Amino acid sequence: VSTAEQDAVEAFTPREREVLSLVAEGLPNKIIARQLNISEHTVKFHLNAILTKLGAQSRTEAVVRATRLGLIAL
């Protein structure tokens, strides 16, 4: 893992990690919001931050990149 990748891993907030884990389970935003007791808007906000930090274009790409970085295990 490169230094840049390690910095990306450390840049994630605990809530972003929670959202990412639930995205990896294939859950839609509405269910993620309900499980975390936050609004769908907040889920979208976290998801946008996750995509940006991982340089991903989609939820699927974010999960793949996060798995490769060791952020989540499938």
Protein backbone atom coordinates (compact mmCIF):
# COMPACT_ATOMS: atom_id res chain seq x y z
CA VAL A 1 0.00 0.00 0.00
CA SER A 2 1.44 3.35 -1.04
CA THR A 3 1.70 6.33 1.29
CA ALA A 4 -1.07 8.08 -0.65
CA GLU A 5 -3.33 5.06 -0.22
CA GLN A 6 -2.52 4.87 3.51
CA ASP A 7 -3.37 8.56 3.86
CA ALA A 8 -6.70 7.90 2.14
CA VAL A 9 -7.48 5.10 4.58
CA GLU A 10 -6.69 7.33 7.56
CA ALA A 11 -8.83 10.14 6.11
CA PHE A 12 -12.07 8.19 6.60
CA THR A 13 -14.28 9.10 9.52
CA PRO A 14 -15.84 6.32 11.60
CA ARG A 15 -19.26 7.19 10.11
CA GLU A 16 -17.90 7.01 6.56
CA ARG A 17 -16.54 3.56 7.36
CA GLU A 18 -19.98 2.51 8.64
CA VAL A 19 -21.68 3.80 5.50
CA LEU A 20 -19.08 2.11 3.30
CA SER A 21 -19.60 -1.22 5.06
CA LEU A 22 -23.35 -1.03 4.52
CA VAL A 23 -22.87 -0.03 0.88
CA ALA A 24 -20.65 -3.11 0.52
CA GLU A 25 -23.56 -5.22 1.80
CA GLY A 26 -25.57 -3.89 -1.13
CA LEU A 27 -27.98 -1.84 0.95
CA PRO A 28 -29.77 1.15 -0.61
CA ASN A 29 -29.43 4.63 0.90
CA LYS A 30 -32.87 4.48 2.51
CA ILE A 31 -31.99 1.34 4.49
CA ILE A 32 -28.52 2.67 5.39
CA ALA A 33 -30.18 5.83 6.72
CA ARG A 34 -32.63 3.82 8.79
CA GLN A 35 -29.93 1.54 10.23
CA LEU A 36 -27.67 4.44 11.20
CA ASN A 37 -30.56 6.66 12.32
CA ILE A 38 -29.54 9.47 9.94
CA SER A 39 -31.29 11.08 6.96
CA GLU A 40 -30.95 9.85 3.38
CA HIS A 41 -29.40 13.24 2.60
CA THR A 42 -26.70 12.56 5.19
CA VAL A 43 -26.05 9.12 3.68
CA LYS A 44 -25.62 10.75 0.26
CA PHE A 45 -23.26 13.33 1.80
CA HIS A 46 -21.10 10.58 3.33
CA LEU A 47 -21.23 8.55 0.12
CA ASN A 48 -20.05 11.54 -1.90
CA ALA A 49 -17.13 12.02 0.51
CA ILE A 50 -16.29 8.30 0.24
CA LEU A 51 -16.33 8.39 -3.57
CA THR A 52 -14.12 11.47 -3.58
CA LYS A 53 -11.59 10.05 -1.11
CA LEU A 54 -11.35 6.78 -3.04
CA GLY A 55 -11.36 8.43 -6.46
CA ALA A 56 -14.29 6.20 -7.40
CA GLN A 57 -17.09 6.91 -9.88
CA SER A 58 -19.65 4.49 -8.47
CA ARG A 59 -20.68 2.62 -5.34
CA THR A 60 -19.33 -0.59 -6.86
CA GLU A 61 -15.96 0.95 -7.66
CA ALA A 62 -15.78 2.40 -4.14
CA VAL A 63 -16.38 -1.04 -2.62
CA VAL A 64 -13.72 -2.61 -4.86
CA ARG A 65 -11.16 0.06 -4.01
CA ALA A 66 -11.98 -0.01 -0.29
CA THR A 67 -11.60 -3.79 -0.26
CA ARG A 68 -8.20 -3.58 -1.96
CA LEU A 69 -7.09 -0.99 0.61
CA GLY A 70 -8.23 -3.21 3.46
CA LEU A 71 -10.90 -0.74 4.62
CA ILE A 72 -13.60 -3.39 4.42
CA ALA A 73 -13.71 -7.15 4.11
CA LEU A 74 -16.31 -8.87 1.97
